[in-house]
Amino acid sequence: MSVNAPAAGVNLNEITERREVRECLLWFTREKQWINETHLQLCRIPAPTFLEGERASWFLEQFRRMGWDASVDRAGNVVATMGDGPFVALTAHLDTVIAPRAKDDISVDPDGCFRGPGVSDNGAGLAALLAVARALKTCSRIPGLRTGLVLVANVGEEGEGNLAGMRHLCKQSSLGRKIESFVVADGANTDYVTTRALGSRRFEITFTGPGGHSWSDYGLGNPVHALCRAVTLFAETRLDGSPKSAFNVGLIEGGSSINAIAQTARAKVDIRSESNEKLDELVELLSAAVDRSRDLENQRAAAGKVSAKIKEIGSRPAATLPENAEILQYIRAVDAHLGVRARPDCSSTDANIPISMGVPAIAIGAGGQGGGAHTTQEWFRPEGRDLGLKRILLLLILLMRHGRS
């Protein structure tokens, strides 16, 4: 079924003809310069995963200046609320894979294209969070809303952050129990709606041994050799057909010198699948490859055996939003109204956590165009951003008016 098929019973024309809503929608176009300047300003504040504090403090100040009731929770998330519970949540993650080393790392081309780490992922989502925050406080109050709204600039989405901010919000925070649905603004492009949560499990594999001189101690068990063998064995795993799955050895390190037998060798492995059962199967294959490699190295070694350890450093559940979920019907109605053509998508985002808990959630782009994520060559073009912001606002209004049945 097409994502932009209209939902039964949703009249967007009636909603957008209201003066208060029209005023908010026009604000996004009228204030594009402020939005762009705010976007660049926030991207120049470094926020690598686990070190989001400076950017979080800046966000807290922005929300409070706009008149929101805002605070930082125990996980480090910046939370701003309007109204009483129950709530609809709009979230965007604070952290970036690569942090700018200097403010000049975030630049603007003569044609208006933003460049630098994090300008799209997730500068676009964070700029949307602030644009929605300011629009709702600047424009007339929208009547007929059944729920309140919570805006969350959350920590720990990228890499080994393991969705820590969203886990805390959904599973430990008292506020989380009052949130009926989540809209996750992640990246820029509006041509997708993430309705399926891509699962992942991440591991650190460590081989250790006594180490020694490459000549005089030759014959000792070698952790580097064992690790390389384990990677090779696991890499021979065939992934054919459904469910779609993937794995990657993204980091290998160990040893101290070319003429020294290493004492330690380490690798980090990322395993992903649309199925939790397939994830478990691949984890078993990884464990078997590590055990086999350890045993082969120790059979070869004349002395100084190696040992192996597998440590799980991340786990994101796979899950699927039901086809009849109201949030999905609403985004289809909004897209049909705005002329947005979007496809269903499977991805790993903050939405993994609420979807896996049975709480309606989707992840969508915040408008404009972006690319080069997770590299120093990341870019973002703000042209057309207002369409993405209008899309977010109309979806929030539908959720706040109708809520969950």
Protein backbone atom coordinates (compact mmCIF):
# COMPACT_ATOMS: atom_id res chain seq x y z
CA MET A 1 0.00 0.00 0.00
CA SER A 2 1.35 3.44 -0.91
CA VAL A 3 2.54 5.51 2.03
CA ASN A 4 0.84 8.60 0.63
CA ALA A 5 -2.63 7.05 0.34
CA PRO A 6 -5.09 9.24 2.31
CA ALA A 7 -6.45 8.05 5.63
CA ALA A 8 -10.18 7.57 5.91
CA GLY A 9 -11.95 10.32 7.81
CA VAL A 10 -9.04 12.80 7.85
CA ASN A 11 -9.87 16.19 6.35
CA LEU A 12 -6.64 18.14 6.02
CA ASN A 13 -8.35 20.96 4.10
CA GLU A 14 -10.56 21.69 7.11
CA ILE A 15 -7.51 21.77 9.37
CA THR A 16 -5.26 23.88 7.15
CA GLU A 17 -8.01 26.44 6.53
CA ARG A 18 -8.07 27.35 10.21
CA ARG A 19 -6.38 30.69 10.78
CA GLU A 20 -4.15 29.42 13.59
CA VAL A 21 -2.82 26.49 11.55
CA ARG A 22 -2.35 28.60 8.43
CA GLU A 23 -0.40 31.10 10.49
CA CYS A 24 1.99 28.38 11.71
CA LEU A 25 2.48 26.91 8.25
CA LEU A 26 3.30 30.33 6.79
CA TRP A 27 5.76 30.96 9.63
CA PHE A 28 8.03 28.16 8.36
CA THR A 29 8.38 29.88 4.99
CA ARG A 30 8.60 33.42 6.36
CA GLU A 31 11.29 32.59 8.93
CA LYS A 32 13.55 30.44 6.75
CA GLN A 33 16.54 32.73 7.42
CA TRP A 34 16.18 32.31 11.19
CA ILE A 35 15.84 28.55 10.77
CA ASN A 36 18.97 28.37 8.61
CA GLU A 37 21.01 30.49 11.01
CA THR A 38 19.85 28.42 13.98
CA HIS A 39 20.70 25.23 12.09
CA LEU A 40 24.28 26.39 11.47
CA GLN A 41 24.68 27.60 15.04
CA LEU A 42 23.69 24.28 16.61
CA CYS A 43 25.88 22.28 14.21
CA ARG A 44 28.93 24.29 15.31
CA ILE A 45 28.51 22.99 18.87
CA PRO A 46 30.33 19.62 19.03
CA ALA A 47 28.13 16.74 20.21
CA PRO A 48 29.84 13.38 19.64
CA THR A 49 28.06 10.42 21.19
CA PHE A 50 28.52 10.40 25.01
CA LEU A 51 29.66 14.07 24.92
CA GLU A 52 26.44 15.89 24.02
CA GLY A 53 26.39 18.08 27.16
CA GLU A 54 27.40 21.41 25.59
CA ARG A 55 24.82 21.14 22.83
CA ALA A 56 22.20 19.97 25.34
CA SER A 57 22.81 23.06 27.51
CA TRP A 58 22.40 25.28 24.47
CA PHE A 59 19.12 23.57 23.57
CA LEU A 60 17.83 23.97 27.11
CA GLU A 61 18.47 27.70 26.91
CA GLN A 62 16.73 27.97 23.52
CA PHE A 63 13.60 26.17 24.69
CA ARG A 64 13.34 28.28 27.84
CA ARG A 65 13.81 31.53 25.89
CA MET A 66 10.88 30.52 23.70
CA GLY A 67 8.69 30.00 26.78
CA TRP A 68 8.73 26.20 26.99
CA ASP A 69 8.82 24.32 30.28
CA ALA A 70 12.18 22.60 29.71
CA SER A 71 14.66 20.51 31.68
CA VAL A 72 17.41 17.93 31.24
CA ASP A 73 16.55 14.41 32.41
CA ARG A 74 18.84 11.86 34.05
CA ALA A 75 19.99 10.47 30.69
CA GLY A 76 20.96 13.91 29.38
CA ASN A 77 17.92 14.40 27.12
CA VAL A 78 16.57 17.93 26.81
CA VAL A 79 12.80 17.72 27.33
CA ALA A 80 10.35 20.57 26.68
CA THR A 81 6.62 20.24 27.29
CA MET A 82 3.48 22.14 26.33
CA GLY A 83 0.24 21.23 28.05
CA ASP A 84 -0.54 18.25 30.24
CA GLY A 85 -0.36 14.56 29.47
CA PRO A 86 -1.05 12.48 27.59
CA PHE A 87 1.54 13.67 25.08
CA VAL A 88 2.62 13.31 21.48
CA ALA A 89 6.42 13.45 21.19
CA LEU A 90 8.60 15.01 18.51
CA THR A 91 12.21 13.93 18.95
CA ALA A 92 15.58 14.47 17.29
CA HIS A 93 18.93 13.10 18.40
CA LEU A 94 21.64 15.47 19.60
CA ASP A 95 24.70 13.36 18.84
CA THR A 96 26.78 13.05 15.68
CA VAL A 97 29.19 10.36 14.50
CA ILE A 98 31.85 12.95 13.66
CA ALA A 99 32.17 16.22 15.57
CA PRO A 100 33.45 19.47 14.04
CA ARG A 101 36.95 20.29 15.32
CA ALA A 102 36.41 24.01 14.79
CA LYS A 103 33.49 26.27 13.92
CA ASP A 104 34.90 26.69 10.40
CA ASP A 105 34.32 22.98 9.78
CA ILE A 106 30.65 23.95 9.34
CA SER A 107 30.51 26.15 6.25
CA VAL A 108 28.11 27.47 3.63
CA ASP A 109 28.85 27.32 -0.10
CA PRO A 110 28.10 30.32 -2.33
CA ASP A 111 25.01 28.46 -3.56
CA GLY A 112 23.69 28.08 0.01
CA CYS A 113 24.62 24.43 0.58
CA PHE A 114 25.67 23.65 4.17
CA ARG A 115 28.77 21.48 4.57
CA GLY A 116 30.35 19.73 7.53
CA PRO A 117 29.87 16.80 9.90
CA GLY A 118 26.33 16.50 11.23
CA VAL A 119 24.67 19.18 9.07
CA SER A 120 22.08 16.70 7.82
CA ASP A 121 22.28 13.88 10.41
CA ASN A 122 21.04 15.29 12.60
CA GLY A 123 21.32 19.03 12.16
CA ALA A 124 18.20 18.94 9.99
CA GLY A 125 16.17 17.12 12.64
CA LEU A 126 17.35 19.37 15.46
CA ALA A 127 16.63 22.53 13.46
CA ALA A 128 13.11 21.20 12.88
CA LEU A 129 12.68 20.67 16.60
CA LEU A 130 13.50 24.33 17.29
CA ALA A 131 11.46 25.58 14.33
CA VAL A 132 8.36 23.76 15.58
CA ALA A 133 9.05 24.99 19.11
CA ARG A 134 9.24 28.61 18.06
CA ALA A 135 6.36 28.46 15.57
CA LEU A 136 3.98 27.09 18.20
CA LYS A 137 4.96 29.78 20.68
CA THR A 138 4.95 32.63 18.14
CA CYS A 139 1.68 31.84 16.38
CA SER A 140 -1.82 31.71 17.82
CA ARG A 141 -2.66 28.66 19.92
CA ILE A 142 -4.19 25.88 17.83
CA PRO A 143 -7.61 24.90 19.24
CA GLY A 144 -9.11 21.42 19.56
CA LEU A 145 -5.97 19.54 20.60
CA ARG A 146 -6.65 16.58 22.86
CA THR A 147 -3.07 15.98 24.02
CA GLY A 148 -0.04 18.00 24.97
CA LEU A 149 3.23 18.05 23.05
CA VAL A 150 6.69 17.09 24.24
CA LEU A 151 9.82 18.01 22.31
CA VAL A 152 12.92 15.93 23.02
CA ALA A 153 16.52 16.54 21.93
CA ASN A 154 17.86 13.16 22.96
CA VAL A 155 21.30 11.68 23.49
CA GLY A 156 22.92 8.43 22.42
CA GLU A 157 21.36 7.59 19.06
CA GLU A 158 24.53 7.05 17.05
CA GLY A 159 27.03 4.20 17.19
CA GLU A 160 27.64 2.76 20.62
CA GLY A 161 25.18 5.18 22.18
CA ASN A 162 22.79 2.26 21.73
CA LEU A 163 19.68 4.50 21.75
CA ALA A 164 20.39 5.29 25.41
CA GLY A 165 18.39 8.52 25.45
CA MET A 166 15.30 6.98 23.90
CA ARG A 167 15.57 3.87 26.11
CA HIS A 168 15.56 6.08 29.19
CA LEU A 169 12.65 8.16 27.95
CA CYS A 170 10.50 5.14 27.06
CA LYS A 171 11.44 2.70 29.81
CA GLN A 172 12.65 4.63 32.86
CA SER A 173 11.24 8.14 32.72
CA SER A 174 7.83 8.78 34.27
CA LEU A 175 7.13 11.07 31.31
CA GLY A 176 7.52 8.16 28.91
CA ARG A 177 4.41 6.48 30.25
CA LYS A 178 2.38 9.53 29.22
CA ILE A 179 3.58 9.57 25.59
CA GLU A 180 1.05 8.05 23.18
CA SER A 181 3.07 8.32 19.97
CA PHE A 182 6.46 9.40 18.65
CA VAL A 183 7.52 11.33 15.56
CA VAL A 184 11.29 11.02 15.13
CA ALA A 185 12.94 13.69 12.95
CA ASP A 186 16.13 12.12 11.62
CA GLY A 187 17.97 13.57 8.64
CA ALA A 188 16.58 15.70 5.87
CA ASN A 189 14.97 13.90 2.95
CA THR A 190 11.20 13.52 2.91
CA ASP A 191 11.05 10.59 0.46
CA TYR A 192 10.77 7.91 3.14
CA VAL A 193 8.74 6.93 6.19
CA THR A 194 10.51 4.52 8.51
CA THR A 195 7.87 2.04 9.66
CA ARG A 196 10.11 -0.99 10.25
CA ALA A 197 12.82 -0.94 12.89
CA LEU A 198 16.04 -2.53 11.68
CA GLY A 199 17.46 -4.64 14.48
CA SER A 200 21.15 -4.76 15.33
CA ARG A 201 23.51 -6.36 17.79
CA ARG A 202 27.09 -5.19 18.25
CA PHE A 203 30.02 -6.98 19.78
CA GLU A 204 33.59 -6.44 20.82
CA ILE A 205 35.74 -9.55 20.28
CA THR A 206 38.98 -9.73 22.23
CA PHE A 207 41.76 -12.33 21.92
CA THR A 208 44.53 -12.27 24.52
CA GLY A 209 47.80 -14.15 24.99
CA PRO A 210 51.18 -13.85 26.72
CA GLY A 211 52.85 -11.94 23.86
CA GLY A 212 56.57 -11.97 23.13
CA HIS A 213 59.37 -11.46 20.62
CA SER A 214 58.54 -12.33 17.02
CA TRP A 215 61.78 -14.40 16.69
CA SER A 216 62.79 -15.76 20.05
CA ASP A 217 59.21 -16.47 21.18
CA TYR A 218 57.94 -17.77 17.87
CA GLY A 219 55.39 -20.50 18.45
CA LEU A 220 53.41 -18.70 21.14
CA GLY A 221 49.70 -18.33 20.51
CA ASN A 222 49.14 -15.12 18.58
CA PRO A 223 45.96 -13.09 19.32
CA VAL A 224 46.23 -11.19 16.02
CA HIS A 225 46.39 -14.43 14.02
CA ALA A 226 43.43 -15.84 15.93
CA LEU A 227 41.38 -12.67 15.45
CA CYS A 228 42.08 -12.54 11.71
CA ARG A 229 41.04 -16.16 11.41
CA ALA A 230 37.80 -15.47 13.29
CA VAL A 231 36.97 -12.54 11.03
CA THR A 232 37.65 -14.64 7.94
CA LEU A 233 35.50 -17.53 9.14
CA PHE A 234 32.58 -15.27 10.03
CA ALA A 235 32.90 -13.31 6.79
CA GLU A 236 32.26 -16.52 4.85
CA THR A 237 28.70 -16.57 6.19
CA ARG A 238 26.25 -16.36 3.28
CA LEU A 239 23.27 -14.05 3.59
CA ASP A 240 20.79 -14.95 0.88
CA GLY A 241 17.11 -14.14 0.62
CA SER A 242 14.80 -12.96 3.35
CA PRO A 243 14.89 -11.56 5.98
CA LYS A 244 17.37 -9.00 4.76
CA SER A 245 20.47 -9.05 6.98
CA ALA A 246 24.03 -7.73 7.01
CA PHE A 247 27.18 -7.72 9.10
CA ASN A 248 30.32 -5.65 9.21
CA VAL A 249 33.66 -5.80 10.99
CA GLY A 250 34.19 -2.09 11.40
CA LEU A 251 37.26 -1.87 13.62
CA ILE A 252 40.33 -4.05 14.17
CA GLU A 253 43.16 -3.14 16.52
CA GLY A 254 45.94 -4.82 18.46
CA GLY A 255 49.65 -5.34 18.85
CA SER A 256 52.42 -2.90 19.61
CA SER A 257 55.17 -3.51 17.05
CA ILE A 258 55.93 -5.35 13.82
CA ASN A 259 58.44 -7.53 15.64
CA ALA A 260 56.32 -8.33 18.68
CA ILE A 261 53.73 -11.05 19.17
CA ALA A 262 50.65 -9.17 20.34
CA GLN A 263 49.21 -9.61 23.81
CA THR A 264 45.80 -8.34 22.71
CA ALA A 265 43.81 -8.07 19.49
CA ARG A 266 40.33 -6.65 19.28
CA ALA A 267 37.56 -6.18 16.72
CA LYS A 268 34.12 -4.62 16.74
CA VAL A 269 31.33 -6.28 14.79
CA ASP A 270 27.96 -4.92 13.73
CA ILE A 271 25.19 -7.42 12.86
CA ARG A 272 21.87 -6.21 11.44
CA SER A 273 18.63 -7.84 10.38
CA GLU A 274 14.95 -7.18 9.90
CA SER A 275 14.34 -10.24 12.10
CA ASN A 276 15.26 -10.75 15.74
CA GLU A 277 15.43 -14.51 15.13
CA LYS A 278 17.95 -14.01 12.31
CA LEU A 279 20.00 -11.76 14.57
CA ASP A 280 20.21 -14.57 17.13
CA GLU A 281 21.27 -17.02 14.43
CA LEU A 282 24.07 -14.74 13.23
CA VAL A 283 25.26 -14.15 16.78
CA GLU A 284 25.58 -17.91 17.23
CA LEU A 285 27.63 -18.12 14.02
CA LEU A 286 29.90 -15.33 15.24
CA SER A 287 30.42 -17.10 18.57
CA ALA A 288 31.20 -20.36 16.77
CA ALA A 289 33.75 -18.61 14.52
CA VAL A 290 35.50 -17.13 17.58
CA ASP A 291 35.60 -20.47 19.41
CA ARG A 292 36.86 -22.28 16.33
CA SER A 293 39.59 -19.69 15.72
CA ARG A 294 40.75 -19.85 19.34
CA ASP A 295 40.95 -23.64 19.19
CA LEU A 296 42.84 -23.65 15.88
CA GLU A 297 45.38 -21.13 17.16
CA ASN A 298 45.93 -23.11 20.36
CA GLN A 299 46.37 -26.34 18.39
CA ARG A 300 49.08 -24.65 16.34
CA ALA A 301 50.80 -22.98 19.28
CA ALA A 302 53.73 -24.73 20.95
CA ALA A 303 53.08 -22.76 24.14
CA GLY A 304 51.31 -19.68 25.45
CA LYS A 305 47.69 -20.34 24.65
CA VAL A 306 45.25 -17.60 23.61
CA SER A 307 41.86 -16.93 25.13
CA ALA A 308 38.82 -15.24 23.62
CA LYS A 309 36.01 -13.09 24.94
CA ILE A 310 32.88 -11.74 23.26
CA LYS A 311 31.26 -8.69 24.84
CA GLU A 312 27.94 -7.30 23.61
CA ILE A 313 28.18 -3.52 23.32
CA GLY A 314 24.87 -2.74 21.66
CA SER A 315 21.44 -4.18 20.94
CA ARG A 316 18.59 -2.61 18.99
CA PRO A 317 15.38 -4.61 18.60
CA ALA A 318 13.81 -5.28 15.22
CA ALA A 319 10.10 -4.48 15.03
CA THR A 320 7.35 -3.47 12.61
CA LEU A 321 4.67 -0.81 12.93
CA PRO A 322 1.26 -2.40 12.23
CA GLU A 323 -0.12 -1.56 8.81
CA ASN A 324 -3.33 -0.22 10.38
CA ALA A 325 -1.56 2.05 12.90
CA GLU A 326 -3.23 5.46 13.05
CA ILE A 327 0.09 7.30 12.89
CA LEU A 328 0.74 5.64 9.54
CA GLN A 329 -2.73 6.59 8.29
CA TYR A 330 -2.10 10.18 9.34
CA ILE A 331 1.26 10.54 7.59
CA ARG A 332 -0.33 9.12 4.45
CA ALA A 333 -3.07 11.75 4.65
CA VAL A 334 -0.53 14.55 5.20
CA ASP A 335 1.63 13.38 2.30
CA ALA A 336 -1.37 13.18 -0.01
CA HIS A 337 -2.36 16.73 1.00
CA LEU A 338 1.12 18.17 0.48
CA GLY A 339 1.97 16.15 -2.63
CA VAL A 340 4.84 14.31 -0.94
CA ARG A 341 5.73 10.95 -2.46
CA ALA A 342 7.31 8.76 0.21
CA ARG A 343 8.15 5.08 0.42
CA PRO A 344 8.05 2.77 3.45
CA ASP A 345 11.52 2.23 4.86
CA CYS A 346 13.37 -0.10 7.21
CA SER A 347 16.09 1.61 9.21
CA SER A 348 17.74 1.77 12.61
CA THR A 349 16.58 4.92 14.43
CA ASP A 350 15.32 6.09 17.81
CA ALA A 351 11.92 4.78 16.69
CA ASN A 352 13.20 1.21 17.26
CA ILE A 353 12.49 1.46 20.97
CA PRO A 354 8.86 2.65 21.00
CA ILE A 355 7.90 0.44 18.03
CA SER A 356 9.33 -2.62 19.82
CA MET A 357 7.25 -1.69 22.88
CA GLY A 358 4.04 -1.43 20.87
CA VAL A 359 3.97 2.39 21.00
CA PRO A 360 3.17 4.01 17.62
CA ALA A 361 6.26 5.68 16.14
CA ILE A 362 7.71 6.63 12.78
CA ALA A 363 10.93 8.32 11.67
CA ILE A 364 10.83 10.90 8.88
CA GLY A 365 13.13 13.48 7.33
CA ALA A 366 12.86 17.08 8.42
CA GLY A 367 12.93 18.75 5.01
CA GLY A 368 15.51 19.94 2.52
CA GLN A 369 18.03 17.55 0.98
CA GLY A 370 21.05 15.95 2.61
CA GLY A 371 23.75 13.38 2.01
CA GLY A 372 27.21 12.16 2.97
CA ALA A 373 26.06 11.22 6.48
CA HIS A 374 28.72 10.03 8.93
CA THR A 375 31.54 11.60 6.88
CA THR A 376 33.42 14.90 6.92
CA GLN A 377 31.86 15.63 3.50
CA GLU A 378 28.28 15.69 4.81
CA TRP A 379 26.03 18.27 3.14
CA PHE A 380 22.57 19.81 3.44
CA ARG A 381 20.56 21.99 1.04
CA PRO A 382 17.82 23.99 2.79
CA GLU A 383 15.72 24.61 -0.34
CA GLY A 384 12.27 23.19 0.26
CA ARG A 385 12.84 22.72 3.99
CA ASP A 386 9.53 24.39 4.76
CA LEU A 387 7.67 21.51 3.09
CA GLY A 388 9.22 19.05 5.54
CA LEU A 389 8.41 21.31 8.49
CA LYS A 390 4.78 21.69 7.38
CA ARG A 391 4.62 17.90 7.05
CA ILE A 392 5.83 17.46 10.63
CA LEU A 393 3.45 20.05 12.06
CA LEU A 394 0.37 18.69 10.30
CA LEU A 395 1.20 15.16 11.46
CA LEU A 396 1.58 16.40 15.03
CA ILE A 397 -1.74 18.24 14.84
CA LEU A 398 -3.54 15.11 13.66
CA LEU A 399 -1.99 13.03 16.42
CA MET A 400 -2.78 15.66 19.05
CA ARG A 401 -6.37 16.06 17.85
CA HIS A 402 -7.26 12.41 17.44
CA GLY A 403 -4.69 10.48 19.48
CA ARG A 404 -4.79 6.72 19.81
CA SER A 405 -8.06 4.85 19.51
